[in-house]
Amino acid sequence: MKFVKAEKSAACRKMWIAILILFNIQACNARKANQEHVRQPAVAGSFYPGDRQELAQMVKQCLDRNEKISIDGKVIGLLVPHAGYLYSALTAATGYKLVQDGGYEIVVVIAPSHRDRFSGATIYQGSGYQTPLGTVAIDTQCAGKLVGGCPDVQFSDLGHGQEHALEVQVPFVQTVLPKAKILPLVVGIYDWQMCERIGRTLAKVLAGKSALIVASSDLYHGENYDELQQSDARTLSAIVNMDPQNLCKGFLQDRYMACGGGPAVIMEVAAKALGANQAKVLARTNSGDVTGQKDGYVVGYGAVAVYAGAKAASDRQEFEPLEIKVQKELLKMARKAIESFLLTGTEKRFEAVFPSMNDKRGVFVTITESGDLRGCIGHHEADQPLYITVPQMAVAAAFSDPRFPQLAKEELAQIKIKISVYLTNVYKINTLDEFVMGKHGIIMHKDGRSATFLPEVPAEAGWKTKEEEMTYLCRKAGLSLNAWKEGADFWVYETQVFDESIL
């Protein structure tokens, strides 16, 4: 009997050992599967410290060593370098210092591909990017919208595996904006048309969000220190000129030099579409100045902020009202643009029928259905002609307003279109005493958040006082209801409004 019991006991032990082995294998496989959905660090310990505490301390020191540069407006984009931290982290920190605790909910990091060769851009198809500081979540919803809305962008590991240019930005994002998600975008071979498509689609995806777009790029690469100084001056000047098409052309023709030329162009296209109108160089240095070794191979570094700044009241500009025939044509364009997008998924291109349609002005397009708001998207900056902006904003209002689902075919006959064309530029006011309720549209900016109401909104909503409108403006911006009293900045504009009732 004792022998039998021992035999049974041994069999039980073997069975339990087998179960434990199987459990451990499954657990390891589960961990491996989870890790496959999180991009693991590739250059920790080489480009930046691999130890969590050492990395946190280094990032903090770089931020502490920089004074926060004053920017009169909302920062929408940054260009920052991506060399090893010993070389360029202090320069990068000037940009990140500017947006620290800025309330951004998503940071789009756009980097060049140094190792993999491909056309277009890729987004890492996973749940996060990991560094020694932890894992930052990827905004998978925005990633899906960008891939679905732009044929140049695909989900892929290509460009992400061993790439340092994106990874080195993540510890800074984790430090200055710990609650933000990221959208990691790596750019391969590019041209202007591709950059414009990606940038404009990205802007539509980010509409209504508090978003920061970071272009990761070093500048001059070569063996002549004097040539570096001249090249970096030309390149940075082109970047702050805020002309992304010319900037792209300059990169492709080697007039400007930056390994992240494509990311810089895409960032500017998207930032301008989101309201940016100014740029400022925050810092400029190079490996020769950092190490003292100016003979031999040198690399340039720069930090630039791209932001929605306001012109002074003295810069106020006025535009002539549009004739009724021009109003009718713009309304027809808006509807045709929506119809075309519903049928083909692409934006229809138009030509200027009347000379005034070449005017560069701000525009808002509002869509209603049965009298209720169905979508409203606008573009404040006077940087492109009406015959281009109106159809773009019509499509954006129908398909990219985050408050509403995309317009369906069966709704097309039910919607009404209203266009607000700016009669002035957007200009800053010093106090709310300069704001005339019902006459002016108003933009409020505070703590990295902003919101606007068109001039007719108070009457439509039944608001009687400025205080009432300001309270709702704060709510729209996601701020406390009294935030407008606590140092907010304000801009105003005037509009000419017309709708399909005139057709």
Protein backbone atom coordinates (compact mmCIF):
# COMPACT_ATOMS: atom_id res chain seq x y z
CA MET A 1 0.00 0.00 0.00
CA LYS A 2 2.77 2.40 0.83
CA PHE A 3 4.32 1.78 -2.57
CA VAL A 4 1.00 2.47 -4.31
CA LYS A 5 0.49 5.72 -2.36
CA ALA A 6 3.99 6.84 -3.23
CA GLU A 7 3.37 6.04 -6.87
CA LYS A 8 0.13 8.07 -6.83
CA SER A 9 1.89 10.93 -5.05
CA ALA A 10 4.62 11.03 -7.68
CA ALA A 11 2.01 11.05 -10.44
CA CYS A 12 0.23 13.97 -8.79
CA ARG A 13 3.48 15.90 -8.50
CA LYS A 14 4.21 15.32 -12.18
CA MET A 15 0.72 16.47 -13.09
CA TRP A 16 1.06 19.68 -11.08
CA ILE A 17 4.51 20.36 -12.49
CA ALA A 18 3.10 19.99 -15.99
CA ILE A 19 0.28 22.38 -15.17
CA LEU A 20 2.70 24.95 -13.75
CA ILE A 21 4.95 24.67 -16.80
CA LEU A 22 1.98 25.15 -19.10
CA PHE A 23 0.79 28.14 -17.03
CA ASN A 24 4.24 29.75 -17.14
CA ILE A 25 4.46 29.23 -20.91
CA GLN A 26 1.05 30.84 -21.36
CA ALA A 27 1.99 33.71 -19.06
CA CYS A 28 5.22 34.29 -20.98
CA ASN A 29 3.36 34.21 -24.27
CA ALA A 30 0.83 36.69 -22.90
CA ARG A 31 3.62 39.02 -21.74
CA LYS A 32 5.30 38.71 -25.12
CA ALA A 33 2.04 39.51 -26.90
CA ASN A 34 1.51 42.57 -24.73
CA GLN A 35 5.08 43.73 -25.35
CA GLU A 36 4.57 43.35 -29.09
CA HIS A 37 1.88 46.03 -28.83
CA VAL A 38 4.23 48.44 -27.03
CA ARG A 39 7.23 49.77 -28.92
CA GLN A 40 10.27 48.93 -26.79
CA PRO A 41 13.20 51.37 -26.34
CA ALA A 42 15.87 50.99 -29.00
CA VAL A 43 18.40 53.70 -28.10
CA ALA A 44 18.09 53.95 -24.31
CA GLY A 45 21.59 53.81 -22.89
CA SER A 46 23.15 55.27 -26.04
CA PHE A 47 21.27 58.39 -27.20
CA TYR A 48 19.97 59.05 -23.70
CA PRO A 49 20.37 57.43 -20.25
CA GLY A 50 18.94 53.95 -19.87
CA ASP A 51 18.46 54.33 -16.13
CA ARG A 52 15.08 55.74 -15.13
CA GLN A 53 16.36 58.02 -12.37
CA GLU A 54 19.32 59.28 -14.40
CA LEU A 55 17.08 60.01 -17.39
CA ALA A 56 14.48 61.85 -15.31
CA GLN A 57 17.20 63.95 -13.70
CA MET A 58 18.81 64.81 -17.04
CA VAL A 59 15.54 65.91 -18.64
CA LYS A 60 14.69 67.99 -15.56
CA GLN A 61 18.09 69.65 -15.57
CA CYS A 62 17.78 70.58 -19.25
CA LEU A 63 14.37 72.11 -18.63
CA ASP A 64 15.53 73.94 -15.49
CA ARG A 65 18.51 75.44 -17.31
CA ASN A 66 16.22 77.17 -19.80
CA GLU A 67 14.15 80.25 -19.14
CA LYS A 68 10.61 80.04 -20.53
CA ILE A 69 10.57 82.22 -23.63
CA SER A 70 7.60 84.52 -23.99
CA ILE A 71 5.25 83.70 -26.88
CA ASP A 72 2.19 85.86 -27.48
CA GLY A 73 -0.19 83.17 -28.63
CA LYS A 74 -0.97 79.46 -28.55
CA VAL A 75 1.89 77.13 -29.48
CA ILE A 76 0.65 74.58 -32.01
CA GLY A 77 3.93 73.22 -33.40
CA LEU A 78 7.55 72.77 -32.41
CA LEU A 79 10.70 71.87 -34.29
CA VAL A 80 13.30 70.31 -31.99
CA PRO A 81 16.53 68.34 -32.57
CA HIS A 82 17.01 64.61 -32.06
CA ALA A 83 20.73 63.98 -31.55
CA GLY A 84 22.14 62.32 -28.46
CA TYR A 85 21.08 64.15 -25.33
CA LEU A 86 24.64 65.26 -24.56
CA TYR A 87 24.61 67.17 -27.83
CA SER A 88 21.12 68.54 -28.35
CA ALA A 89 18.84 67.93 -25.35
CA LEU A 90 19.42 71.42 -23.97
CA THR A 91 18.29 72.91 -27.29
CA ALA A 92 15.25 70.63 -27.46
CA ALA A 93 14.35 71.60 -23.90
CA THR A 94 13.85 75.25 -24.95
CA GLY A 95 10.88 74.09 -27.01
CA TYR A 96 9.47 71.68 -24.44
CA LYS A 97 9.85 74.28 -21.67
CA LEU A 98 7.49 76.50 -23.65
CA VAL A 99 4.66 73.93 -23.59
CA GLN A 100 5.25 72.45 -20.14
CA ASP A 101 1.93 71.81 -18.36
CA GLY A 102 0.17 73.39 -21.35
CA GLY A 103 -2.87 71.16 -21.15
CA TYR A 104 -2.30 69.42 -24.48
CA GLU A 105 -4.21 66.15 -24.75
CA ILE A 106 -2.32 64.76 -27.73
CA VAL A 107 1.24 65.25 -29.01
CA VAL A 108 1.90 64.28 -32.61
CA VAL A 109 5.61 63.44 -32.95
CA ILE A 110 6.74 63.47 -36.59
CA ALA A 111 10.22 62.10 -37.28
CA PRO A 112 12.30 61.15 -40.32
CA SER A 113 13.35 57.58 -41.06
CA HIS A 114 17.11 57.20 -40.85
CA ARG A 115 17.23 53.41 -41.28
CA ASP A 116 14.24 52.18 -43.29
CA ARG A 117 13.57 53.38 -46.82
CA PHE A 118 9.95 53.83 -47.85
CA SER A 119 7.59 56.42 -49.33
CA GLY A 120 4.91 58.18 -47.31
CA ALA A 121 4.58 57.88 -43.56
CA THR A 122 3.95 55.16 -41.01
CA ILE A 123 2.30 54.99 -37.61
CA TYR A 124 3.33 52.32 -35.13
CA GLN A 125 0.38 49.96 -34.79
CA GLY A 126 0.40 49.40 -31.06
CA SER A 127 -0.83 50.73 -27.77
CA GLY A 128 2.22 52.68 -26.63
CA TYR A 129 5.83 53.77 -26.82
CA GLN A 130 8.06 52.78 -23.90
CA THR A 131 11.10 54.50 -22.42
CA PRO A 132 12.82 54.06 -19.05
CA LEU A 133 10.30 56.60 -17.72
CA GLY A 134 7.40 54.25 -18.51
CA THR A 135 4.95 53.80 -21.36
CA VAL A 136 3.08 56.65 -23.05
CA ALA A 137 -0.19 55.65 -24.69
CA ILE A 138 -0.75 56.05 -28.42
CA ASP A 139 -3.97 57.82 -29.40
CA THR A 140 -5.22 54.89 -31.47
CA GLN A 141 -8.44 56.68 -32.42
CA CYS A 142 -6.62 59.59 -34.03
CA ALA A 143 -4.13 57.19 -35.58
CA GLY A 144 -6.95 55.26 -37.21
CA LYS A 145 -8.56 58.44 -38.53
CA LEU A 146 -5.28 59.63 -40.04
CA VAL A 147 -4.63 56.30 -41.75
CA GLY A 148 -8.22 56.09 -42.93
CA GLY A 149 -8.24 59.67 -44.21
CA CYS A 150 -4.87 59.84 -45.98
CA PRO A 151 -3.53 57.28 -48.47
CA ASP A 152 0.05 58.35 -47.72
CA VAL A 153 -0.09 57.10 -44.12
CA GLN A 154 -0.09 53.44 -43.14
CA PHE A 155 0.14 51.37 -39.97
CA SER A 156 3.53 49.66 -39.96
CA ASP A 157 6.58 48.84 -37.84
CA LEU A 158 8.64 50.14 -40.76
CA GLY A 159 10.50 53.23 -39.64
CA HIS A 160 9.92 52.56 -35.94
CA GLY A 161 12.07 49.53 -35.09
CA GLN A 162 15.49 51.08 -34.44
CA GLU A 163 14.65 54.71 -35.20
CA HIS A 164 16.04 57.19 -32.69
CA ALA A 165 14.55 60.45 -34.04
CA LEU A 166 11.10 59.77 -32.62
CA GLU A 167 12.12 57.87 -29.51
CA VAL A 168 14.35 60.62 -28.09
CA GLN A 169 11.38 63.02 -28.02
CA VAL A 170 9.22 60.74 -25.90
CA PRO A 171 10.96 61.27 -22.50
CA PHE A 172 10.45 65.03 -22.90
CA VAL A 173 6.77 64.53 -23.72
CA GLN A 174 6.39 62.22 -20.72
CA THR A 175 7.96 64.86 -18.48
CA VAL A 176 6.32 68.11 -19.62
CA LEU A 177 2.92 66.67 -20.60
CA PRO A 178 2.49 63.52 -18.50
CA LYS A 179 -1.24 63.17 -19.26
CA ALA A 180 -0.94 63.49 -23.04
CA LYS A 181 -1.16 60.65 -25.53
CA ILE A 182 1.08 60.55 -28.58
CA LEU A 183 0.64 59.90 -32.27
CA PRO A 184 4.02 58.56 -33.52
CA LEU A 185 4.51 59.32 -37.22
CA VAL A 186 7.68 58.46 -39.17
CA VAL A 187 8.19 60.00 -42.63
CA GLY A 188 10.10 58.38 -45.48
CA ILE A 189 10.56 59.72 -49.01
CA TYR A 190 8.36 62.78 -49.53
CA ASP A 191 7.30 65.49 -51.93
CA TRP A 192 5.13 68.61 -51.55
CA GLN A 193 1.85 67.01 -52.55
CA MET A 194 2.34 64.21 -50.05
CA CYS A 195 3.28 66.58 -47.22
CA GLU A 196 0.29 68.79 -47.96
CA ARG A 197 -2.11 65.82 -47.94
CA ILE A 198 -0.76 64.46 -44.68
CA GLY A 199 -0.66 67.88 -43.03
CA ARG A 200 -4.19 68.84 -43.99
CA THR A 201 -5.61 65.45 -43.02
CA LEU A 202 -3.77 65.63 -39.71
CA ALA A 203 -5.30 69.06 -39.05
CA LYS A 204 -8.78 67.67 -39.68
CA VAL A 205 -8.10 64.77 -37.30
CA LEU A 206 -6.91 67.18 -34.61
CA ALA A 207 -9.72 69.73 -35.07
CA GLY A 208 -11.35 70.47 -31.73
CA LYS A 209 -8.51 68.92 -29.72
CA SER A 210 -5.79 70.61 -27.69
CA ALA A 211 -2.93 69.30 -29.81
CA LEU A 212 0.81 69.89 -30.13
CA ILE A 213 2.70 68.84 -33.28
CA VAL A 214 6.41 68.16 -32.82
CA ALA A 215 8.73 67.90 -35.83
CA SER A 216 11.94 66.07 -34.93
CA SER A 217 14.89 67.31 -36.97
CA ASP A 218 18.55 68.20 -36.86
CA LEU A 219 19.84 70.79 -39.34
CA TYR A 220 23.16 70.95 -41.23
CA HIS A 221 25.24 67.78 -41.53
CA GLY A 222 28.73 68.23 -42.96
CA GLU A 223 32.38 69.05 -42.43
CA ASN A 224 32.50 72.84 -42.68
CA TYR A 225 31.67 74.91 -39.59
CA ASP A 226 31.29 78.18 -41.51
CA GLU A 227 29.01 76.49 -44.03
CA LEU A 228 26.97 75.14 -41.12
CA GLN A 229 26.36 78.64 -39.78
CA GLN A 230 25.19 79.91 -43.18
CA SER A 231 23.06 76.86 -43.92
CA ASP A 232 21.31 76.84 -40.55
CA ALA A 233 20.57 80.57 -40.83
CA ARG A 234 18.92 80.02 -44.25
CA THR A 235 16.97 76.97 -43.09
CA LEU A 236 15.66 78.53 -39.86
CA SER A 237 14.72 81.70 -41.72
CA ALA A 238 12.70 79.63 -44.20
CA ILE A 239 10.96 77.78 -41.38
CA VAL A 240 9.86 80.95 -39.57
CA ASN A 241 8.60 82.41 -42.87
CA MET A 242 5.68 79.97 -42.54
CA ASP A 243 5.60 79.08 -46.25
CA PRO A 244 5.63 75.27 -46.16
CA GLN A 245 5.46 74.81 -49.94
CA ASN A 246 8.55 76.94 -50.49
CA LEU A 247 10.20 75.27 -47.51
CA CYS A 248 9.59 71.83 -49.03
CA LYS A 249 10.89 72.96 -52.40
CA GLY A 250 14.02 74.28 -50.72
CA PHE A 251 14.66 71.00 -48.95
CA LEU A 252 14.18 68.98 -52.15
CA GLN A 253 16.54 71.32 -54.03
CA ASP A 254 19.13 71.27 -51.21
CA ARG A 255 18.80 75.02 -50.60
CA TYR A 256 17.91 74.21 -47.00
CA MET A 257 19.24 71.33 -44.95
CA ALA A 258 17.45 69.31 -42.29
CA CYS A 259 17.24 65.54 -41.97
CA GLY A 260 13.65 66.05 -40.80
CA GLY A 261 12.63 68.26 -43.72
CA GLY A 262 9.48 66.29 -44.44
CA PRO A 263 8.33 66.33 -40.80
CA ALA A 264 8.98 70.09 -40.61
CA VAL A 265 6.86 70.73 -43.71
CA ILE A 266 4.02 68.48 -42.53
CA MET A 267 4.06 70.16 -39.12
CA GLU A 268 3.78 73.62 -40.68
CA VAL A 269 0.98 72.59 -43.05
CA ALA A 270 -1.04 71.13 -40.17
CA ALA A 271 -0.23 73.93 -37.74
CA LYS A 272 -1.29 76.62 -40.23
CA ALA A 273 -4.53 74.77 -40.91
CA LEU A 274 -5.13 74.80 -37.16
CA GLY A 275 -4.60 78.56 -36.93
CA ALA A 276 -0.86 79.08 -36.57
CA ASN A 277 0.37 82.22 -38.26
CA GLN A 278 3.75 82.99 -36.69
CA ALA A 279 6.99 81.22 -35.83
CA LYS A 280 9.96 82.07 -33.66
CA VAL A 281 13.45 80.63 -33.29
CA LEU A 282 13.89 79.69 -29.64
CA ALA A 283 17.46 78.39 -29.69
CA ARG A 284 20.22 77.54 -32.13
CA THR A 285 23.49 75.70 -31.61
CA ASN A 286 25.57 72.89 -33.12
CA SER A 287 27.79 70.00 -32.18
CA GLY A 288 30.91 72.11 -32.71
CA ASP A 289 29.82 74.66 -30.12
CA VAL A 290 28.73 71.95 -27.69
CA THR A 291 31.95 69.90 -27.85
CA GLY A 292 34.41 72.61 -28.86
CA GLN A 293 35.47 70.48 -31.84
CA LYS A 294 34.67 72.65 -34.86
CA ASP A 295 37.01 70.89 -37.26
CA GLY A 296 35.60 67.85 -38.96
CA TYR A 297 32.01 66.62 -39.00
CA VAL A 298 29.47 69.01 -37.41
CA VAL A 299 25.69 68.97 -37.02
CA GLY A 300 23.34 71.91 -36.51
CA TYR A 301 20.50 72.04 -33.96
CA GLY A 302 17.61 74.47 -33.66
CA ALA A 303 14.35 74.87 -31.79
CA VAL A 304 11.39 76.73 -33.32
CA ALA A 305 7.91 77.46 -31.99
CA VAL A 306 5.00 77.73 -34.44
CA TYR A 307 2.01 79.46 -32.90
CA ALA A 308 -1.29 81.23 -33.35
CA GLY A 309 -0.23 84.76 -32.58
CA ALA A 310 -2.42 87.80 -32.81
CA LYS A 311 -1.78 90.97 -34.73
CA ALA A 312 -1.99 94.20 -32.80
CA ALA A 313 -5.14 96.25 -33.10
CA SER A 314 -3.18 98.75 -35.18
CA ASP A 315 -2.75 95.96 -37.76
CA ARG A 316 -6.50 95.63 -38.25
CA GLN A 317 -7.40 95.11 -41.89
CA GLU A 318 -10.78 95.39 -43.59
CA PHE A 319 -12.13 93.56 -46.64
CA GLU A 320 -14.91 94.53 -49.04
CA PRO A 321 -18.24 92.69 -48.66
CA LEU A 322 -18.86 90.05 -51.33
CA GLU A 323 -21.42 90.66 -54.04
CA ILE A 324 -24.54 88.51 -54.09
CA LYS A 325 -23.35 86.62 -57.19
CA VAL A 326 -20.13 85.67 -55.40
CA GLN A 327 -22.04 84.57 -52.31
CA LYS A 328 -24.24 82.29 -54.42
CA GLU A 329 -21.26 80.74 -56.20
CA LEU A 330 -19.45 80.01 -52.92
CA LEU A 331 -22.57 78.34 -51.53
CA LYS A 332 -22.80 76.16 -54.64
CA MET A 333 -19.10 75.26 -54.28
CA ALA A 334 -19.62 74.29 -50.66
CA ARG A 335 -22.46 71.91 -51.47
CA LYS A 336 -20.69 70.43 -54.50
CA ALA A 337 -17.59 69.82 -52.37
CA ILE A 338 -19.65 67.90 -49.80
CA GLU A 339 -21.45 65.91 -52.51
CA SER A 340 -18.16 65.01 -54.19
CA PHE A 341 -16.60 63.87 -50.93
CA LEU A 342 -19.63 61.68 -50.19
CA LEU A 343 -19.34 59.98 -53.60
CA THR A 344 -15.57 59.73 -54.06
CA GLY A 345 -13.95 60.29 -50.68
CA THR A 346 -11.76 63.01 -52.19
CA GLU A 347 -11.97 66.80 -52.15
CA LYS A 348 -13.15 68.38 -55.40
CA ARG A 349 -10.96 71.19 -56.74
CA PHE A 350 -12.49 74.46 -57.94
CA GLU A 351 -11.40 77.55 -59.84
CA ALA A 352 -12.15 81.19 -59.10
CA VAL A 353 -15.28 82.21 -61.06
CA PHE A 354 -15.10 85.85 -59.92
CA PRO A 355 -11.97 87.91 -59.09
CA SER A 356 -13.00 88.43 -55.45
CA MET A 357 -12.94 84.66 -54.93
CA ASN A 358 -9.15 85.01 -55.00
CA ASP A 359 -9.32 87.12 -51.81
CA LYS A 360 -7.47 85.55 -48.92
CA ARG A 361 -9.75 85.68 -45.88
CA GLY A 362 -10.85 83.68 -42.88
CA VAL A 363 -13.92 81.50 -43.36
CA PHE A 364 -16.36 79.45 -41.28
CA VAL A 365 -18.86 77.00 -42.77
CA THR A 366 -21.85 76.00 -40.65
CA ILE A 367 -24.17 73.09 -41.46
CA THR A 368 -27.62 72.71 -39.91
CA GLU A 369 -30.23 69.97 -40.19
CA SER A 370 -33.86 70.68 -39.28
CA GLY A 371 -32.63 73.89 -37.65
CA ASP A 372 -30.12 72.10 -35.40
CA LEU A 373 -26.35 72.45 -35.65
CA ARG A 374 -24.83 69.57 -37.67
CA GLY A 375 -21.25 70.78 -38.05
CA CYS A 376 -19.18 73.96 -37.94
CA ILE A 377 -15.50 74.29 -38.85
CA GLY A 378 -13.53 77.40 -39.75
CA HIS A 379 -10.13 78.79 -40.63
CA HIS A 380 -9.18 82.11 -39.03
CA GLU A 381 -6.07 82.97 -41.00
CA ALA A 382 -6.20 84.94 -44.26
CA ASP A 383 -3.65 82.75 -45.99
CA GLN A 384 -5.43 81.17 -48.96
CA PRO A 385 -8.14 82.22 -51.47
CA LEU A 386 -11.84 81.83 -50.80
CA TYR A 387 -12.39 79.40 -53.69
CA ILE A 388 -10.05 76.98 -51.87
CA THR A 389 -10.93 77.66 -48.24
CA VAL A 390 -14.73 77.53 -48.57
CA PRO A 391 -14.90 74.01 -50.09
CA GLN A 392 -12.29 72.76 -47.60
CA MET A 393 -14.21 74.09 -44.62
CA ALA A 394 -17.48 72.71 -46.02
CA VAL A 395 -16.01 69.21 -46.20
CA ALA A 396 -14.46 69.62 -42.75
CA ALA A 397 -17.78 70.75 -41.23
CA ALA A 398 -19.58 67.78 -42.78
CA PHE A 399 -17.04 65.08 -42.01
CA SER A 400 -14.48 66.26 -39.44
CA ASP A 401 -16.37 68.10 -36.68
CA PRO A 402 -15.58 65.88 -33.66
CA ARG A 403 -18.93 66.74 -32.05
CA PHE A 404 -20.93 64.97 -34.76
CA PRO A 405 -20.79 61.75 -36.81
CA GLN A 406 -19.78 62.07 -40.44
CA LEU A 407 -22.55 63.25 -42.72
CA ALA A 408 -24.45 60.37 -44.38
CA LYS A 409 -25.75 60.35 -47.97
CA GLU A 410 -29.37 60.30 -46.83
CA GLU A 411 -28.82 63.56 -44.92
CA LEU A 412 -27.51 65.51 -47.89
CA ALA A 413 -30.91 66.75 -49.05
CA GLN A 414 -31.85 67.78 -45.51
CA ILE A 415 -28.87 69.98 -44.59
CA LYS A 416 -28.57 73.75 -44.96
CA ILE A 417 -25.25 75.51 -45.48
CA LYS A 418 -24.23 78.88 -44.05
CA ILE A 419 -20.95 80.65 -44.81
CA SER A 420 -19.25 83.30 -42.69
CA VAL A 421 -16.59 85.17 -44.66
CA TYR A 422 -14.36 87.50 -42.66
CA LEU A 423 -14.67 91.23 -43.23
CA THR A 424 -11.56 91.86 -41.11
CA ASN A 425 -8.46 89.97 -40.17
CA VAL A 426 -8.22 88.47 -36.68
CA TYR A 427 -6.67 91.04 -34.35
CA LYS A 428 -5.93 91.18 -30.66
CA ILE A 429 -7.83 93.43 -28.24
CA ASN A 430 -6.42 94.72 -24.99
CA THR A 431 -9.65 94.57 -22.97
CA LEU A 432 -13.16 93.21 -23.42
CA ASP A 433 -14.37 96.81 -23.58
CA GLU A 434 -13.25 96.69 -27.24
CA PHE A 435 -15.47 93.67 -27.92
CA VAL A 436 -18.92 94.47 -29.31
CA MET A 437 -21.31 91.60 -28.73
CA GLY A 438 -23.14 90.61 -31.91
CA LYS A 439 -20.73 92.57 -34.12
CA HIS A 440 -17.49 90.75 -33.37
CA GLY A 441 -16.59 87.11 -33.44
CA ILE A 442 -14.30 86.41 -30.51
CA ILE A 443 -11.43 84.02 -29.80
CA MET A 444 -10.24 83.32 -26.27
CA HIS A 445 -6.92 81.68 -25.46
CA LYS A 446 -5.76 80.60 -22.02
CA ASP A 447 -3.46 77.87 -20.68
CA GLY A 448 -3.03 76.20 -24.04
CA ARG A 449 -6.77 76.04 -24.73
CA SER A 450 -8.86 78.18 -27.03
CA ALA A 451 -12.40 78.57 -28.33
CA THR A 452 -14.34 80.92 -30.58
CA PHE A 453 -17.89 82.09 -31.15
CA LEU A 454 -19.07 83.66 -34.40
CA PRO A 455 -20.76 87.10 -34.12
CA GLU A 456 -24.30 85.71 -34.54
CA VAL A 457 -24.01 83.02 -31.85
CA PRO A 458 -25.13 85.17 -28.87
CA ALA A 459 -28.38 86.16 -30.59
CA GLU A 460 -29.07 82.59 -31.69
CA ALA A 461 -28.41 81.32 -28.16
CA GLY A 462 -30.37 84.07 -26.44
CA TRP A 463 -27.41 85.45 -24.46
CA LYS A 464 -27.91 89.01 -23.25
CA THR A 465 -24.55 90.00 -21.72
CA LYS A 466 -20.84 89.70 -22.44
CA GLU A 467 -20.44 87.85 -19.16
CA GLU A 468 -22.88 85.21 -20.36
CA GLU A 469 -21.04 84.75 -23.65
CA MET A 470 -17.67 84.57 -21.87
CA THR A 471 -18.96 81.88 -19.53
CA TYR A 472 -20.04 79.70 -22.44
CA LEU A 473 -16.77 80.43 -24.25
CA CYS A 474 -14.85 79.10 -21.24
CA ARG A 475 -17.05 76.02 -21.17
CA LYS A 476 -16.38 75.41 -24.87
CA ALA A 477 -12.63 75.70 -24.26
CA GLY A 478 -12.79 73.20 -21.40
CA LEU A 479 -11.83 75.81 -18.80
CA SER A 480 -13.41 76.88 -15.54
CA LEU A 481 -16.40 79.15 -16.13
CA ASN A 482 -14.59 82.19 -14.67
CA ALA A 483 -11.30 81.62 -16.48
CA TRP A 484 -11.97 84.60 -18.75
CA LYS A 485 -11.46 86.85 -15.73
CA GLU A 486 -8.04 85.35 -14.94
CA GLY A 487 -5.65 86.66 -17.56
CA ALA A 488 -7.05 85.22 -20.78
CA ASP A 489 -6.13 86.68 -24.18
CA PHE A 490 -8.77 87.76 -26.68
CA TRP A 491 -8.93 88.34 -30.44
CA VAL A 492 -11.87 89.58 -32.50
CA TYR A 493 -13.02 89.60 -36.12
CA GLU A 494 -16.05 90.62 -38.18
CA THR A 495 -17.91 88.51 -40.73
CA GLN A 496 -20.33 88.64 -43.64
CA VAL A 497 -22.90 85.84 -43.27
CA PHE A 498 -25.01 84.29 -46.03
CA ASP A 499 -26.84 80.98 -46.49
CA GLU A 500 -28.65 78.92 -49.08
CA SER A 501 -31.87 80.90 -48.66
CA ILE A 502 -30.43 83.34 -51.23
CA LEU A 503 -30.19 80.67 -53.97
